Amino acid sequence: LFDALVSGLCGGAGLDVFLEVPPKNTKLIQLPKVICTPHLVASSHEAQIRVAVEISEQ
């Protein structure tokens, strides 16, 4: 991903979850076309609906 962003092959990236917090390799998240959020994807409307459906099916 880093190489693709630097070369322009990839126009940007949005990252939400990291294996380690804070991440050890910060070169990727310091790129100007990278946006990082603190585990917000699980709070999206779509994610909440998906969780509700999965729970109701169990």
PDB file of N, CA and C in Angstrom:
ATOM      1  N   LEU A   1       0.832  -1.185   0.000  1.00  0.00           N
ATOM      2  CA  LEU A   1       0.000   0.000   0.000  1.00  0.00           C
ATOM      3  C   LEU A   1       0.874   1.245   0.000  1.00  0.00           C
ATOM      4  N   PHE A   2       1.907   1.225   0.823  1.00  0.00           N
ATOM      5  CA  PHE A   2       2.809   2.373   0.886  1.00  0.00           C
ATOM      6  C   PHE A   2       3.390   2.683  -0.490  1.00  0.00           C
ATOM      7  N   ASP A   3       3.926   1.657  -1.150  1.00  0.00           N
ATOM      8  CA  ASP A   3       4.537   1.861  -2.466  1.00  0.00           C
ATOM      9  C   ASP A   3       3.512   2.351  -3.485  1.00  0.00           C
ATOM     10  N   ALA A   4       2.303   1.812  -3.428  1.00  0.00           N
ATOM     11  CA  ALA A   4       1.253   2.228  -4.361  1.00  0.00           C
ATOM     12  C   ALA A   4       0.856   3.682  -4.137  1.00  0.00           C
ATOM     13  N   LEU A   5       0.808   4.116  -2.902  1.00  0.00           N
ATOM     14  CA  LEU A   5       0.471   5.507  -2.602  1.00  0.00           C
ATOM     15  C   LEU A   5       1.585   6.454  -3.033  1.00  0.00           C
ATOM     16  N   VAL A   6       2.816   6.089  -2.741  1.00  0.00           N
ATOM     17  CA  VAL A   6       3.955   6.939  -3.089  1.00  0.00           C
ATOM     18  C   VAL A   6       4.099   7.061  -4.607  1.00  0.00           C
ATOM     19  N   SER A   7       3.884   5.963  -5.322  1.00  0.00           N
ATOM     20  CA  SER A   7       4.039   5.980  -6.780  1.00  0.00           C
ATOM     21  C   SER A   7       2.863   6.635  -7.487  1.00  0.00           C
ATOM     22  N   GLY A   8       1.746   6.802  -6.792  1.00  0.00           N
ATOM     23  CA  GLY A   8       0.557   7.372  -7.414  1.00  0.00           C
ATOM     24  C   GLY A   8      -0.376   6.330  -7.991  1.00  0.00           C
ATOM     25  N   LEU A   9       0.008   5.046  -7.911  1.00  0.00           N
ATOM     26  CA  LEU A   9      -0.858   3.976  -8.394  1.00  0.00           C
ATOM     27  C   LEU A   9      -2.181   3.971  -7.633  1.00  0.00           C
ATOM     28  N   CYS A  10      -2.114   4.282  -6.362  1.00  0.00           N
ATOM     29  CA  CYS A  10      -3.299   4.383  -5.504  1.00  0.00           C
ATOM     30  C   CYS A  10      -3.444   5.857  -5.115  1.00  0.00           C
ATOM     31  N   GLY A  11      -4.637   6.401  -5.282  1.00  0.00           N
ATOM     32  CA  GLY A  11      -4.844   7.824  -5.046  1.00  0.00           C
ATOM     33  C   GLY A  11      -4.991   8.222  -3.599  1.00  0.00           C
ATOM     34  N   GLY A  12      -5.287   7.271  -2.727  1.00  0.00           N
ATOM     35  CA  GLY A  12      -5.452   7.591  -1.315  1.00  0.00           C
ATOM     36  C   GLY A  12      -5.905   6.367  -0.550  1.00  0.00           C
ATOM     37  N   ALA A  13      -5.910   6.475   0.766  1.00  0.00           N
ATOM     38  CA  ALA A  13      -6.317   5.346   1.602  1.00  0.00           C
ATOM     39  C   ALA A  13      -6.956   5.859   2.880  1.00  0.00           C
ATOM     40  N   GLY A  14      -7.985   5.154   3.317  1.00  0.00           N
ATOM     41  CA  GLY A  14      -8.605   5.412   4.607  1.00  0.00           C
ATOM     42  C   GLY A  14      -8.396   4.196   5.485  1.00  0.00           C
ATOM     43  N   LEU A  15      -7.760   4.369   6.619  1.00  0.00           N
ATOM     44  CA  LEU A  15      -7.424   3.260   7.511  1.00  0.00           C
ATOM     45  C   LEU A  15      -8.140   3.445   8.839  1.00  0.00           C
ATOM     46  N   ASP A  16      -8.676   2.357   9.380  1.00  0.00           N
ATOM     47  CA  ASP A  16      -9.455   2.474  10.604  1.00  0.00           C
ATOM     48  C   ASP A  16      -8.900   1.667  11.762  1.00  0.00           C
ATOM     49  N   VAL A  17      -8.327   0.513  11.515  1.00  0.00           N
ATOM     50  CA  VAL A  17      -7.890  -0.363  12.599  1.00  0.00           C
ATOM     51  C   VAL A  17      -6.440  -0.765  12.366  1.00  0.00           C
ATOM     52  N   PHE A  18      -5.661  -0.752  13.423  1.00  0.00           N
ATOM     53  CA  PHE A  18      -4.259  -1.140  13.347  1.00  0.00           C
ATOM     54  C   PHE A  18      -4.017  -2.336  14.257  1.00  0.00           C
ATOM     55  N   LEU A  19      -3.091  -3.200  13.861  1.00  0.00           N
ATOM     56  CA  LEU A  19      -2.737  -4.356  14.674  1.00  0.00           C
ATOM     57  C   LEU A  19      -2.175  -3.905  16.008  1.00  0.00           C
ATOM     58  N   GLU A  20      -1.359  -2.859  15.985  1.00  0.00           N
ATOM     59  CA  GLU A  20      -0.783  -2.295  17.208  1.00  0.00           C
ATOM     60  C   GLU A  20      -1.143  -0.815  17.276  1.00  0.00           C
ATOM     61  N   VAL A  21      -1.482  -0.350  18.451  1.00  0.00           N
ATOM     62  CA  VAL A  21      -1.799   1.071  18.647  1.00  0.00           C
ATOM     63  C   VAL A  21      -0.885   1.621  19.717  1.00  0.00           C
ATOM     64  N   PRO A  22      -0.088   2.612  19.424  1.00  0.00           N
ATOM     65  CA  PRO A  22       0.089   3.218  18.104  1.00  0.00           C
ATOM     66  C   PRO A  22       0.905   2.309  17.203  1.00  0.00           C
ATOM     67  N   PRO A  23       0.731   2.451  15.902  1.00  0.00           N
ATOM     68  CA  PRO A  23       1.477   1.592  14.978  1.00  0.00           C
ATOM     69  C   PRO A  23       2.975   1.876  15.042  1.00  0.00           C
ATOM     70  N   LYS A  24       3.770   0.820  14.872  1.00  0.00           N
ATOM     71  CA  LYS A  24       5.229   0.974  14.913  1.00  0.00           C
ATOM     72  C   LYS A  24       5.747   1.697  13.673  1.00  0.00           C
ATOM     73  N   ASN A  25       5.218   1.343  12.508  1.00  0.00           N
ATOM     74  CA  ASN A  25       5.671   1.944  11.261  1.00  0.00           C
ATOM     75  C   ASN A  25       4.739   3.100  10.916  1.00  0.00           C
ATOM     76  N   THR A  26       5.195   4.308  11.159  1.00  0.00           N
ATOM     77  CA  THR A  26       4.330   5.463  10.926  1.00  0.00           C
ATOM     78  C   THR A  26       4.529   6.094   9.552  1.00  0.00           C
ATOM     79  N   LYS A  27       5.416   5.535   8.723  1.00  0.00           N
ATOM     80  CA  LYS A  27       5.631   6.106   7.388  1.00  0.00           C
ATOM     81  C   LYS A  27       4.330   6.134   6.590  1.00  0.00           C
ATOM     82  N   LEU A  28       3.549   5.076   6.676  1.00  0.00           N
ATOM     83  CA  LEU A  28       2.303   4.989   5.914  1.00  0.00           C
ATOM     84  C   LEU A  28       1.294   6.034   6.377  1.00  0.00           C
ATOM     85  N   ILE A  29       1.088   6.135   7.669  1.00  0.00           N
ATOM     86  CA  ILE A  29       0.044   7.040   8.152  1.00  0.00           C
ATOM     87  C   ILE A  29       0.442   8.507   8.082  1.00  0.00           C
ATOM     88  N   GLN A  30       1.705   8.781   7.806  1.00  0.00           N
ATOM     89  CA  GLN A  30       2.144  10.165   7.661  1.00  0.00           C
ATOM     90  C   GLN A  30       2.035  10.671   6.224  1.00  0.00           C
ATOM     91  N   LEU A  31       1.678   9.798   5.301  1.00  0.00           N
ATOM     92  CA  LEU A  31       1.523  10.237   3.917  1.00  0.00           C
ATOM     93  C   LEU A  31       0.330  11.188   3.812  1.00  0.00           C
ATOM     94  N   PRO A  32       0.417  12.203   2.954  1.00  0.00           N
ATOM     95  CA  PRO A  32      -0.648  13.201   2.868  1.00  0.00           C
ATOM     96  C   PRO A  32      -1.982  12.671   2.345  1.00  0.00           C
ATOM     97  N   LYS A  33      -1.970  11.555   1.625  1.00  0.00           N
ATOM     98  CA  LYS A  33      -3.216  11.014   1.073  1.00  0.00           C
ATOM     99  C   LYS A  33      -3.767   9.858   1.900  1.00  0.00           C
ATOM    100  N   VAL A  34      -3.380   9.793   3.169  1.00  0.00           N
ATOM    101  CA  VAL A  34      -3.860   8.746   4.070  1.00  0.00           C
ATOM    102  C   VAL A  34      -4.651   9.394   5.200  1.00  0.00           C
ATOM    103  N   ILE A  35      -5.839   8.867   5.432  1.00  0.00           N
ATOM    104  CA  ILE A  35      -6.685   9.327   6.532  1.00  0.00           C
ATOM    105  C   ILE A  35      -6.826   8.167   7.509  1.00  0.00           C
ATOM    106  N   CYS A  36      -6.606   8.425   8.787  1.00  0.00           N
ATOM    107  CA  CYS A  36      -6.726   7.400   9.823  1.00  0.00           C
ATOM    108  C   CYS A  36      -7.818   7.804  10.802  1.00  0.00           C
ATOM    109  N   THR A  37      -8.641   6.836  11.180  1.00  0.00           N
ATOM    110  CA  THR A  37      -9.693   7.079  12.164  1.00  0.00           C
ATOM    111  C   THR A  37      -9.566   6.064  13.293  1.00  0.00           C
ATOM    112  N   PRO A  38     -10.015   6.408  14.495  1.00  0.00           N
ATOM    113  CA  PRO A  38      -9.876   5.517  15.652  1.00  0.00           C
ATOM    114  C   PRO A  38     -11.035   4.528  15.785  1.00  0.00           C
ATOM    115  N   HIS A  39     -11.020   3.474  14.992  1.00  0.00           N
ATOM    116  CA  HIS A  39     -12.024   2.408  15.072  1.00  0.00           C
ATOM    117  C   HIS A  39     -13.440   2.937  14.879  1.00  0.00           C
ATOM    118  N   LEU A  40     -13.642   3.841  13.940  1.00  0.00           N
ATOM    119  CA  LEU A  40     -14.960   4.428  13.714  1.00  0.00           C
ATOM    120  C   LEU A  40     -15.833   3.638  12.749  1.00  0.00           C
ATOM    121  N   VAL A  41     -15.252   2.740  11.975  1.00  0.00           N
ATOM    122  CA  VAL A  41     -16.044   1.995  11.002  1.00  0.00           C
ATOM    123  C   VAL A  41     -17.146   1.197  11.689  1.00  0.00           C
ATOM    124  N   ALA A  42     -16.868   0.652  12.853  1.00  0.00           N
ATOM    125  CA  ALA A  42     -17.878  -0.127  13.574  1.00  0.00           C
ATOM    126  C   ALA A  42     -19.046   0.734  14.025  1.00  0.00           C
ATOM    127  N   SER A  43     -18.874   2.037  14.036  1.00  0.00           N
ATOM    128  CA  SER A  43     -19.942   2.939  14.464  1.00  0.00           C
ATOM    129  C   SER A  43     -20.797   3.432  13.306  1.00  0.00           C
ATOM    130  N   SER A  44     -20.482   3.036  12.094  1.00  0.00           N
ATOM    131  CA  SER A  44     -21.259   3.501  10.946  1.00  0.00           C
ATOM    132  C   SER A  44     -22.651   2.882  10.963  1.00  0.00           C
ATOM    133  N   HIS A  45     -23.575   3.537  10.294  1.00  0.00           N
ATOM    134  CA  HIS A  45     -24.956   3.050  10.220  1.00  0.00           C
ATOM    135  C   HIS A  45     -25.000   1.646   9.616  1.00  0.00           C
ATOM    136  N   GLU A  46     -24.243   1.451   8.547  1.00  0.00           N
ATOM    137  CA  GLU A  46     -24.219   0.150   7.879  1.00  0.00           C
ATOM    138  C   GLU A  46     -23.686  -0.947   8.798  1.00  0.00           C
ATOM    139  N   ALA A  47     -22.655  -0.636   9.559  1.00  0.00           N
ATOM    140  CA  ALA A  47     -22.083  -1.630  10.472  1.00  0.00           C
ATOM    141  C   ALA A  47     -23.066  -1.997  11.573  1.00  0.00           C
ATOM    142  N   GLN A  48     -23.784  -1.031  12.086  1.00  0.00           N
ATOM    143  CA  GLN A  48     -24.754  -1.304  13.144  1.00  0.00           C
ATOM    144  C   GLN A  48     -25.891  -2.183  12.630  1.00  0.00           C
ATOM    145  N   ILE A  49     -26.344  -1.952  11.407  1.00  0.00           N
ATOM    146  CA  ILE A  49     -27.382  -2.802  10.811  1.00  0.00           C
ATOM    147  C   ILE A  49     -26.856  -4.216  10.633  1.00  0.00           C
ATOM    148  N   ARG A  50     -25.632  -4.341  10.157  1.00  0.00           N
ATOM    149  CA  ARG A  50     -25.043  -5.667   9.952  1.00  0.00           C
ATOM    150  C   ARG A  50     -24.953  -6.430  11.271  1.00  0.00           C
ATOM    151  N   VAL A  51     -24.541  -5.768  12.328  1.00  0.00           N
ATOM    152  CA  VAL A  51     -24.455  -6.410  13.642  1.00  0.00           C
ATOM    153  C   VAL A  51     -25.840  -6.849  14.101  1.00  0.00           C
ATOM    154  N   ALA A  52     -26.828  -5.996  13.926  1.00  0.00           N
ATOM    155  CA  ALA A  52     -28.189  -6.344  14.340  1.00  0.00           C
ATOM    156  C   ALA A  52     -28.699  -7.563  13.585  1.00  0.00           C
ATOM    157  N   VAL A  53     -28.437  -7.631  12.296  1.00  0.00           N
ATOM    158  CA  VAL A  53     -28.866  -8.778  11.493  1.00  0.00           C
ATOM    159  C   VAL A  53     -28.149 -10.042  11.955  1.00  0.00           C
ATOM    160  N   GLU A  54     -26.851  -9.961  12.168  1.00  0.00           N
ATOM    161  CA  GLU A  54     -26.094 -11.135  12.609  1.00  0.00           C
ATOM    162  C   GLU A  54     -26.575 -11.635  13.967  1.00  0.00           C
ATOM    163  N   ILE A  55     -26.859 -10.730  14.878  1.00  0.00           N
ATOM    164  CA  ILE A  55     -27.346 -11.127  16.203  1.00  0.00           C
ATOM    165  C   ILE A  55     -28.716 -11.775  16.095  1.00  0.00           C
ATOM    166  N   SER A  56     -29.585 -11.210  15.276  1.00  0.00           N
ATOM    167  CA  SER A  56     -30.942 -11.754  15.158  1.00  0.00           C
ATOM    168  C   SER A  56     -30.956 -13.125  14.498  1.00  0.00           C
ATOM    169  N   GLU A  57     -29.948 -13.429  13.707  1.00  0.00           N
ATOM    170  CA  GLU A  57     -29.887 -14.722  13.030  1.00  0.00           C
ATOM    171  C   GLU A  57     -29.295 -15.820  13.903  1.00  0.00           C
ATOM    172  N   GLN A  58     -28.779 -15.473  15.062  1.00  0.00           N
ATOM    173  CA  GLN A  58     -28.162 -16.489  15.926  1.00  0.00           C
ATOM    174  C   GLN A  58     -29.170 -17.118  16.845  1.00  0.00           C
TER     175      GLN A  58
END
